[in-house]
């Protein structure tokens, strides 16, 4: 073995180890916030809607009811019966647009209904995401606030009996 081939072999091994170390270090820190940076602020609908400017551009965590239907994709304070068809639920209370939807693995576990046209999906969720306020969001710009999900968790819940 020549000195050059030995040196080349050692350099390749060291480069490989360096790459592994950097990948592992990146994996350990990805998704972590820098020290001192606050986590998402847990809010409820009252807090969010009474002072939306306070949370604009910030990460929030909000529990509510996801509803996806014809031209609607929101997180709502509650679900209520529409009164048009027995058992038909629709968003109630206050709600905001969900930009970009939710992950398929959560979406596929939601309740389904198709009593008044296209299939609708709904369920209780916790969404962590960036809150935006003051623009025109969602279908036709019909919402003045939205959340861009970073994480979504499906919560245990059963539809109320009518």
N, C-alpha and C. Protein backbone atom coordinates (compact mmCIF):
# COMPACT_ATOMS: atom_id res chain seq x y z
N UNK A 1 0.85 -1.16 0.00
CA UNK A 1 0.00 0.00 0.00
C UNK A 1 0.90 1.24 0.00
N UNK A 2 0.63 2.15 -0.89
CA UNK A 2 1.43 3.37 -0.96
C UNK A 2 0.94 4.37 0.08
N UNK A 3 1.78 5.34 0.35
CA UNK A 3 1.41 6.39 1.31
C UNK A 3 0.21 7.17 0.81
N UNK A 4 0.14 7.42 -0.50
CA UNK A 4 -0.97 8.16 -1.07
C UNK A 4 -2.29 7.40 -0.90
N UNK A 5 -2.31 6.10 -1.18
CA UNK A 5 -3.55 5.33 -1.06
C UNK A 5 -3.97 5.23 0.40
N UNK A 6 -3.01 5.13 1.34
CA UNK A 6 -3.33 5.12 2.76
C UNK A 6 -3.96 6.45 3.17
N UNK A 7 -3.35 7.56 2.74
CA UNK A 7 -3.86 8.89 3.05
C UNK A 7 -5.26 9.08 2.46
N UNK A 8 -5.48 8.65 1.23
CA UNK A 8 -6.77 8.77 0.56
C UNK A 8 -7.84 7.97 1.32
N UNK A 9 -7.50 6.77 1.76
CA UNK A 9 -8.42 5.92 2.51
C UNK A 9 -8.79 6.59 3.84
N UNK A 10 -7.81 7.14 4.56
CA UNK A 10 -8.06 7.81 5.84
C UNK A 10 -8.94 9.05 5.65
N UNK A 11 -8.66 9.82 4.60
CA UNK A 11 -9.45 11.02 4.33
C UNK A 11 -10.91 10.65 4.03
N UNK A 12 -11.14 9.61 3.26
CA UNK A 12 -12.50 9.17 2.96
C UNK A 12 -13.23 8.73 4.24
N UNK A 13 -12.50 8.00 5.11
CA UNK A 13 -13.11 7.55 6.35
C UNK A 13 -13.46 8.75 7.24
N UNK A 14 -12.53 9.69 7.36
CA UNK A 14 -12.77 10.88 8.19
C UNK A 14 -13.90 11.74 7.63
N UNK A 15 -13.95 11.87 6.32
CA UNK A 15 -15.02 12.64 5.68
C UNK A 15 -16.37 11.97 5.94
N UNK A 16 -16.42 10.66 5.84
CA UNK A 16 -17.65 9.92 6.11
C UNK A 16 -18.09 10.12 7.56
N UNK A 17 -17.16 10.02 8.50
CA UNK A 17 -17.49 10.23 9.91
C UNK A 17 -17.98 11.65 10.16
N UNK A 18 -17.35 12.63 9.52
CA UNK A 18 -17.77 14.01 9.67
C UNK A 18 -19.19 14.20 9.15
N UNK A 19 -19.49 13.61 8.00
CA UNK A 19 -20.84 13.72 7.43
C UNK A 19 -21.88 13.09 8.37
N UNK A 20 -21.57 11.93 8.92
CA UNK A 20 -22.48 11.26 9.85
C UNK A 20 -22.70 12.13 11.08
N UNK A 21 -21.62 12.69 11.61
CA UNK A 21 -21.74 13.55 12.79
C UNK A 21 -22.62 14.76 12.50
N UNK A 22 -22.40 15.42 11.36
CA UNK A 22 -23.20 16.59 11.02
C UNK A 22 -24.66 16.25 10.82
N UNK A 23 -24.95 15.12 10.19
CA UNK A 23 -26.34 14.69 10.01
C UNK A 23 -27.01 14.41 11.35
N UNK A 24 -26.28 13.75 12.23
CA UNK A 24 -26.84 13.46 13.55
C UNK A 24 -27.05 14.74 14.35
N UNK A 25 -26.11 15.65 14.32
CA UNK A 25 -26.25 16.90 15.05
C UNK A 25 -27.43 17.70 14.52
N UNK A 26 -27.59 17.73 13.23
CA UNK A 26 -28.74 18.42 12.63
C UNK A 26 -30.04 17.77 13.01
N UNK A 27 -30.06 16.44 13.07
CA UNK A 27 -31.28 15.72 13.46
C UNK A 27 -31.65 15.96 14.89
N UNK A 28 -30.66 16.14 15.76
CA UNK A 28 -30.96 16.38 17.17
C UNK A 28 -31.52 17.77 17.41
N UNK A 29 -31.15 18.72 16.59
CA UNK A 29 -31.60 20.08 16.82
C UNK A 29 -32.76 20.48 15.93
N UNK A 30 -33.05 19.75 14.87
CA UNK A 30 -34.13 20.16 14.00
C UNK A 30 -35.45 20.09 14.75
N UNK A 31 -36.28 21.09 14.58
CA UNK A 31 -37.54 21.13 15.26
C UNK A 31 -37.45 21.72 16.66
N UNK A 32 -36.25 21.98 17.15
CA UNK A 32 -36.09 22.58 18.47
C UNK A 32 -35.99 24.09 18.30
N UNK A 33 -36.48 24.79 19.27
CA UNK A 33 -36.40 26.24 19.23
C UNK A 33 -35.10 26.69 19.88
N UNK A 34 -34.54 27.79 19.41
CA UNK A 34 -33.35 28.32 20.07
C UNK A 34 -33.66 28.63 21.54
N UNK A 35 -32.66 28.49 22.38
CA UNK A 35 -32.86 28.73 23.81
C UNK A 35 -33.39 30.14 24.03
N UNK A 36 -34.39 30.23 24.86
CA UNK A 36 -34.98 31.52 25.17
C UNK A 36 -36.14 31.91 24.27
N UNK A 37 -36.28 31.25 23.11
CA UNK A 37 -37.39 31.57 22.22
C UNK A 37 -38.65 30.90 22.75
N UNK A 38 -39.74 31.65 22.90
CA UNK A 38 -40.95 31.07 23.47
C UNK A 38 -41.59 30.04 22.54
N UNK A 39 -42.27 29.08 23.15
CA UNK A 39 -43.02 28.09 22.38
C UNK A 39 -44.31 28.74 21.92
N UNK A 40 -45.11 27.98 21.16
CA UNK A 40 -46.40 28.48 20.73
C UNK A 40 -47.24 28.83 21.96
N UNK A 41 -47.94 29.93 21.87
CA UNK A 41 -48.80 30.38 22.97
C UNK A 41 -50.13 29.64 22.89
N UNK A 42 -50.52 29.00 23.99
CA UNK A 42 -51.80 28.30 24.02
C UNK A 42 -52.89 29.35 24.23
N UNK A 43 -53.84 29.38 23.31
CA UNK A 43 -54.94 30.35 23.37
C UNK A 43 -56.27 29.63 23.20
N UNK A 44 -57.33 30.32 23.62
CA UNK A 44 -58.68 29.84 23.32
C UNK A 44 -59.33 30.83 22.36
N UNK A 45 -60.52 30.53 21.90
CA UNK A 45 -61.17 31.40 20.92
C UNK A 45 -61.44 32.80 21.48
N UNK A 46 -61.81 32.89 22.73
CA UNK A 46 -62.07 34.20 23.35
C UNK A 46 -60.81 35.07 23.31
N UNK A 47 -59.68 34.52 23.72
CA UNK A 47 -58.43 35.28 23.71
C UNK A 47 -58.05 35.69 22.29
N UNK A 48 -58.15 34.76 21.38
CA UNK A 48 -57.73 35.00 20.00
C UNK A 48 -58.60 36.06 19.32
N UNK A 49 -59.91 35.96 19.51
CA UNK A 49 -60.81 36.88 18.82
C UNK A 49 -60.99 38.22 19.53
N UNK A 50 -60.69 38.29 20.83
CA UNK A 50 -60.81 39.57 21.52
C UNK A 50 -59.57 40.44 21.30
N UNK A 51 -58.42 39.83 21.01
CA UNK A 51 -57.18 40.58 20.77
C UNK A 51 -56.39 39.96 19.62
N UNK A 52 -56.95 39.88 18.43
CA UNK A 52 -56.24 39.20 17.34
C UNK A 52 -54.92 39.84 16.95
N UNK A 53 -54.81 41.15 17.04
CA UNK A 53 -53.57 41.83 16.67
C UNK A 53 -52.41 41.40 17.58
N UNK A 54 -52.72 41.07 18.82
CA UNK A 54 -51.71 40.63 19.79
C UNK A 54 -51.02 39.35 19.35
N UNK A 55 -51.75 38.49 18.60
CA UNK A 55 -51.22 37.19 18.20
C UNK A 55 -50.81 37.15 16.72
N UNK A 56 -51.05 38.23 15.99
CA UNK A 56 -50.74 38.26 14.56
C UNK A 56 -49.27 37.95 14.31
N UNK A 57 -49.01 36.97 13.45
CA UNK A 57 -47.64 36.59 13.09
C UNK A 57 -46.97 35.68 14.10
N UNK A 58 -47.67 35.32 15.15
CA UNK A 58 -47.10 34.47 16.20
C UNK A 58 -47.60 33.04 16.09
N UNK A 59 -46.84 32.13 16.70
CA UNK A 59 -47.27 30.73 16.76
C UNK A 59 -48.22 30.57 17.93
N UNK A 60 -49.38 29.99 17.64
CA UNK A 60 -50.38 29.74 18.67
C UNK A 60 -50.77 28.27 18.65
N UNK A 61 -51.36 27.83 19.75
CA UNK A 61 -51.92 26.49 19.85
C UNK A 61 -53.39 26.66 20.22
N UNK A 62 -54.27 26.07 19.42
CA UNK A 62 -55.70 26.28 19.57
C UNK A 62 -56.44 24.96 19.45
N UNK A 63 -57.35 24.69 20.38
CA UNK A 63 -58.21 23.52 20.30
C UNK A 63 -59.56 23.95 19.77
N UNK A 64 -60.11 23.13 18.89
CA UNK A 64 -61.42 23.44 18.35
C UNK A 64 -61.88 22.31 17.45
N UNK A 65 -62.82 22.64 16.59
CA UNK A 65 -63.42 21.64 15.72
C UNK A 65 -63.06 21.93 14.26
N UNK A 66 -62.34 20.99 13.67
CA UNK A 66 -61.99 21.09 12.26
C UNK A 66 -63.24 20.77 11.46
N UNK A 67 -63.49 21.56 10.42
CA UNK A 67 -64.60 21.29 9.51
C UNK A 67 -64.13 21.57 8.10
N UNK A 68 -64.33 20.59 7.23
CA UNK A 68 -63.96 20.72 5.82
C UNK A 68 -65.18 20.36 4.99
N UNK A 69 -65.63 21.31 4.20
CA UNK A 69 -66.78 21.09 3.33
C UNK A 69 -66.64 21.92 2.07
N UNK A 70 -67.73 22.11 1.37
CA UNK A 70 -67.73 22.88 0.13
C UNK A 70 -67.27 24.30 0.41
N UNK A 71 -66.10 24.66 -0.08
CA UNK A 71 -65.51 25.99 0.04
C UNK A 71 -65.28 26.42 1.49
N UNK A 72 -65.17 25.45 2.42
CA UNK A 72 -64.96 25.74 3.84
C UNK A 72 -63.88 24.81 4.37
N UNK A 73 -62.90 25.40 5.05
CA UNK A 73 -61.84 24.64 5.72
C UNK A 73 -61.43 25.46 6.93
N UNK A 74 -62.06 25.15 8.08
CA UNK A 74 -61.91 26.01 9.25
C UNK A 74 -61.65 25.22 10.52
N UNK A 75 -61.20 25.93 11.54
CA UNK A 75 -61.24 25.44 12.91
C UNK A 75 -62.26 26.33 13.60
N UNK A 76 -63.26 25.68 14.21
CA UNK A 76 -64.39 26.40 14.80
C UNK A 76 -64.43 26.20 16.30
N UNK A 77 -65.06 27.14 16.94
CA UNK A 77 -65.24 27.09 18.39
C UNK A 77 -66.14 25.91 18.78
N UNK A 78 -67.10 25.60 17.94
CA UNK A 78 -68.04 24.51 18.21
C UNK A 78 -68.63 24.01 16.90
N UNK A 79 -69.32 22.89 16.99
CA UNK A 79 -70.12 22.40 15.87
C UNK A 79 -71.57 22.43 16.35
N UNK A 80 -72.47 22.79 15.44
CA UNK A 80 -73.88 22.85 15.79
C UNK A 80 -74.70 22.25 14.65
N UNK A 81 -75.93 21.92 14.96
CA UNK A 81 -76.79 21.34 13.93
C UNK A 81 -77.29 22.42 13.00
N UNK A 82 -77.29 22.11 11.70
CA UNK A 82 -77.68 23.09 10.69
C UNK A 82 -79.17 23.37 10.71
N UNK A 83 -79.97 22.38 11.08
CA UNK A 83 -81.42 22.54 11.06
C UNK A 83 -82.04 22.22 9.71
N UNK A 84 -81.21 21.96 8.71
CA UNK A 84 -81.71 21.64 7.37
C UNK A 84 -81.96 20.15 7.19
N UNK A 85 -81.06 19.35 7.73
CA UNK A 85 -81.17 17.89 7.63
C UNK A 85 -80.84 17.33 9.01
N UNK A 86 -81.61 16.35 9.45
CA UNK A 86 -81.39 15.77 10.78
C UNK A 86 -79.96 15.24 10.92
N UNK A 87 -79.31 15.66 12.01
CA UNK A 87 -77.96 15.19 12.30
C UNK A 87 -76.85 15.92 11.58
N UNK A 88 -77.16 16.90 10.73
CA UNK A 88 -76.15 17.60 9.94
C UNK A 88 -75.45 18.67 10.77
N UNK A 89 -74.13 18.51 10.96
CA UNK A 89 -73.34 19.46 11.73
C UNK A 89 -72.63 20.47 10.84
N UNK A 90 -72.50 21.69 11.35
CA UNK A 90 -71.79 22.77 10.65
C UNK A 90 -70.98 23.55 11.69
N UNK A 91 -69.98 24.33 11.24
CA UNK A 91 -69.21 25.14 12.19
C UNK A 91 -70.11 26.15 12.90
N UNK A 92 -69.85 26.35 14.19
CA UNK A 92 -70.61 27.31 14.98
C UNK A 92 -69.68 28.16 15.82
N UNK A 93 -70.24 29.20 16.39
CA UNK A 93 -69.42 30.12 17.18
C UNK A 93 -68.45 30.86 16.27
N UNK A 94 -67.26 31.11 16.78
CA UNK A 94 -66.25 31.81 15.99
C UNK A 94 -65.35 30.79 15.30
N UNK A 95 -64.83 31.15 14.14
CA UNK A 95 -63.95 30.23 13.43
C UNK A 95 -63.00 31.00 12.52
N UNK A 96 -61.90 30.32 12.14
CA UNK A 96 -60.92 30.92 11.26
C UNK A 96 -60.48 29.91 10.21
N UNK A 97 -60.02 30.43 9.12
CA UNK A 97 -59.58 29.64 7.98
C UNK A 97 -58.32 28.86 8.35
N UNK A 98 -58.21 27.63 7.81
CA UNK A 98 -56.99 26.84 7.95
C UNK A 98 -56.31 26.83 6.60
N UNK A 99 -55.19 27.52 6.49
CA UNK A 99 -54.47 27.61 5.22
C UNK A 99 -53.67 26.35 4.97
N UNK A 100 -53.93 25.72 3.84
CA UNK A 100 -53.14 24.56 3.44
C UNK A 100 -53.67 23.23 3.95
N UNK A 101 -54.70 23.24 4.76
CA UNK A 101 -55.28 21.98 5.23
C UNK A 101 -54.51 21.33 6.36
N UNK A 102 -54.86 20.08 6.60
CA UNK A 102 -54.24 19.31 7.67
C UNK A 102 -53.64 18.04 7.08
N UNK A 103 -52.73 17.38 7.83
CA UNK A 103 -52.11 16.16 7.29
C UNK A 103 -53.13 15.07 6.96
N UNK A 104 -52.86 14.32 5.91
CA UNK A 104 -53.77 13.27 5.44
C UNK A 104 -54.05 12.23 6.51
N UNK A 105 -53.04 11.87 7.33
CA UNK A 105 -53.27 10.84 8.34
C UNK A 105 -54.29 11.31 9.38
N UNK A 106 -54.39 12.60 9.63
CA UNK A 106 -55.42 13.13 10.54
C UNK A 106 -56.74 13.23 9.78
N UNK A 107 -56.70 13.80 8.60
CA UNK A 107 -57.91 14.00 7.78
C UNK A 107 -58.67 12.69 7.57
N UNK A 108 -57.93 11.62 7.31
CA UNK A 108 -58.56 10.33 7.02
C UNK A 108 -59.23 9.70 8.23
N UNK A 109 -58.98 10.21 9.44
CA UNK A 109 -59.59 9.68 10.65
C UNK A 109 -60.82 10.47 11.10
N UNK A 110 -61.15 11.53 10.39
CA UNK A 110 -62.26 12.40 10.79
C UNK A 110 -63.61 11.76 10.50
N UNK A 111 -64.64 12.26 11.20
CA UNK A 111 -66.02 11.85 10.91
C UNK A 111 -66.39 12.37 9.53
N UNK A 112 -67.34 11.66 8.90
CA UNK A 112 -67.79 12.03 7.55
C UNK A 112 -69.30 12.21 7.53
N UNK A 113 -69.74 13.15 6.71
CA UNK A 113 -71.17 13.32 6.47
C UNK A 113 -71.35 13.83 5.05
N UNK A 114 -72.41 13.40 4.41
CA UNK A 114 -72.72 13.90 3.05
C UNK A 114 -74.23 14.02 2.91
N UNK A 115 -74.81 14.73 3.83
CA UNK A 115 -76.26 14.89 3.89
C UNK A 115 -76.78 15.99 2.99
N UNK A 116 -75.93 16.94 2.66
CA UNK A 116 -76.39 18.09 1.88
C UNK A 116 -75.48 18.34 0.69
N UNK A 117 -74.95 17.31 0.08
CA UNK A 117 -74.09 17.50 -1.08
C UNK A 117 -72.77 16.79 -0.90
N UNK A 118 -71.68 17.46 -1.26
CA UNK A 118 -70.37 16.82 -1.18
C UNK A 118 -70.04 16.37 0.24
N UNK A 119 -69.18 15.37 0.33
CA UNK A 119 -68.77 14.86 1.64
C UNK A 119 -68.10 15.96 2.46
N UNK A 120 -68.45 15.99 3.73
CA UNK A 120 -67.83 16.92 4.68
C UNK A 120 -67.13 16.10 5.74
N UNK A 121 -66.05 16.65 6.30
CA UNK A 121 -65.30 15.97 7.35
C UNK A 121 -65.20 16.89 8.55
N UNK A 122 -65.21 16.27 9.74
CA UNK A 122 -65.14 17.07 10.96
C UNK A 122 -64.62 16.24 12.12
N UNK A 123 -64.07 16.93 13.12
CA UNK A 123 -63.58 16.29 14.33
C UNK A 123 -62.90 17.32 15.21
N UNK A 124 -62.61 16.92 16.44
CA UNK A 124 -61.96 17.82 17.39
C UNK A 124 -60.44 17.71 17.22
N UNK A 125 -59.78 18.87 17.15
CA UNK A 125 -58.33 18.90 16.91
C UNK A 125 -57.65 19.94 17.79
N UNK A 126 -56.35 19.78 17.90
CA UNK A 126 -55.47 20.80 18.47
C UNK A 126 -54.50 21.17 17.35
N UNK A 127 -54.49 22.44 17.00
CA UNK A 127 -53.62 22.92 15.93
C UNK A 127 -52.59 23.88 16.50
N UNK A 128 -51.34 23.63 16.17
CA UNK A 128 -50.28 24.57 16.48
C UNK A 128 -49.85 25.15 15.14
N UNK A 129 -49.84 26.48 15.06
CA UNK A 129 -49.47 27.08 13.80
C UNK A 129 -49.33 28.59 13.90
N UNK A 130 -48.99 29.17 12.77
CA UNK A 130 -48.80 30.62 12.70
C UNK A 130 -50.16 31.28 12.45
N UNK A 131 -50.52 32.19 13.33
CA UNK A 131 -51.78 32.93 13.23
C UNK A 131 -51.56 34.21 12.44
N UNK A 132 -52.47 34.48 11.52
CA UNK A 132 -52.41 35.72 10.74
C UNK A 132 -53.76 36.40 10.80
N UNK A 133 -53.72 37.72 10.91
CA UNK A 133 -54.94 38.50 11.09
C UNK A 133 -54.86 39.79 10.28
N UNK A 134 -56.02 40.22 9.79
CA UNK A 134 -56.09 41.53 9.16
C UNK A 134 -56.10 41.51 7.65
N UNK A 135 -56.02 40.34 7.04
CA UNK A 135 -56.06 40.25 5.59
C UNK A 135 -57.38 39.63 5.14
N UNK A 136 -57.38 39.19 3.91
CA UNK A 136 -58.53 38.47 3.36
C UNK A 136 -58.04 37.07 3.06
N UNK A 137 -58.54 36.11 3.82
CA UNK A 137 -58.04 34.74 3.74
C UNK A 137 -59.16 33.80 3.31
N UNK A 138 -58.75 32.63 2.84
CA UNK A 138 -59.71 31.58 2.53
C UNK A 138 -60.48 31.80 1.26
N UNK A 139 -61.50 31.00 1.09
CA UNK A 139 -62.32 31.05 -0.13
C UNK A 139 -62.95 32.43 -0.31
N UNK A 140 -62.64 33.04 -1.42
CA UNK A 140 -63.20 34.35 -1.74
C UNK A 140 -62.78 35.46 -0.79
N UNK A 141 -61.73 35.23 -0.01
CA UNK A 141 -61.27 36.24 0.94
C UNK A 141 -62.28 36.51 2.04
N UNK A 142 -63.11 35.52 2.35
CA UNK A 142 -64.20 35.71 3.30
C UNK A 142 -63.83 35.65 4.78
N UNK A 143 -62.56 35.47 5.09
CA UNK A 143 -62.14 35.36 6.49
C UNK A 143 -61.09 36.43 6.78
N UNK A 144 -61.15 37.02 7.97
CA UNK A 144 -60.15 38.05 8.31
C UNK A 144 -59.02 37.49 9.15
N UNK A 145 -59.02 36.16 9.40
CA UNK A 145 -57.91 35.53 10.12
C UNK A 145 -57.74 34.10 9.65
N UNK A 146 -56.52 33.59 9.83
CA UNK A 146 -56.22 32.22 9.43
C UNK A 146 -55.11 31.67 10.30
N UNK A 147 -54.98 30.35 10.25
CA UNK A 147 -53.86 29.69 10.90
C UNK A 147 -53.18 28.82 9.86
N UNK A 148 -51.87 28.85 9.85
CA UNK A 148 -51.07 28.00 8.97
C UNK A 148 -50.51 26.89 9.84
N UNK A 149 -51.05 25.67 9.73
CA UNK A 149 -50.67 24.60 10.65
C UNK A 149 -49.21 24.18 10.56
N UNK A 150 -48.61 23.99 11.73
CA UNK A 150 -47.28 23.40 11.84
C UNK A 150 -47.40 21.99 12.41
N UNK A 151 -48.40 21.77 13.27
CA UNK A 151 -48.66 20.46 13.86
C UNK A 151 -50.15 20.37 14.15
N UNK A 152 -50.72 19.19 13.90
CA UNK A 152 -52.14 18.95 14.13
C UNK A 152 -52.29 17.64 14.88
N UNK A 153 -53.11 17.65 15.92
CA UNK A 153 -53.37 16.45 16.71
C UNK A 153 -54.87 16.22 16.75
N UNK A 154 -55.30 15.00 16.45
CA UNK A 154 -56.70 14.63 16.54
C UNK A 154 -57.02 14.31 18.00
N UNK A 155 -58.06 14.92 18.54
CA UNK A 155 -58.44 14.71 19.93
C UNK A 155 -59.65 13.79 20.01
N UNK A 156 -59.75 13.07 21.11
CA UNK A 156 -60.86 12.16 21.31
C UNK A 156 -62.15 12.97 21.48
N UNK A 157 -63.19 12.58 20.73
CA UNK A 157 -64.45 13.30 20.77
C UNK A 157 -65.48 12.50 19.99
N UNK A 158 -66.71 12.56 20.41
CA UNK A 158 -67.81 11.93 19.68
C UNK A 158 -68.86 12.98 19.40
N UNK A 159 -69.49 12.94 18.23
CA UNK A 159 -70.53 13.92 17.92
C UNK A 159 -71.67 13.84 18.95
N UNK A 160 -72.25 14.98 19.28
CA UNK A 160 -73.35 14.98 20.25
C UNK A 160 -74.59 14.31 19.68
N UNK A 161 -75.40 13.77 20.57
CA UNK A 161 -76.68 13.21 20.14
C UNK A 161 -77.64 14.35 19.92
N UNK A 162 -78.44 14.25 18.87
CA UNK A 162 -79.37 15.34 18.57
C UNK A 162 -80.63 15.19 19.35
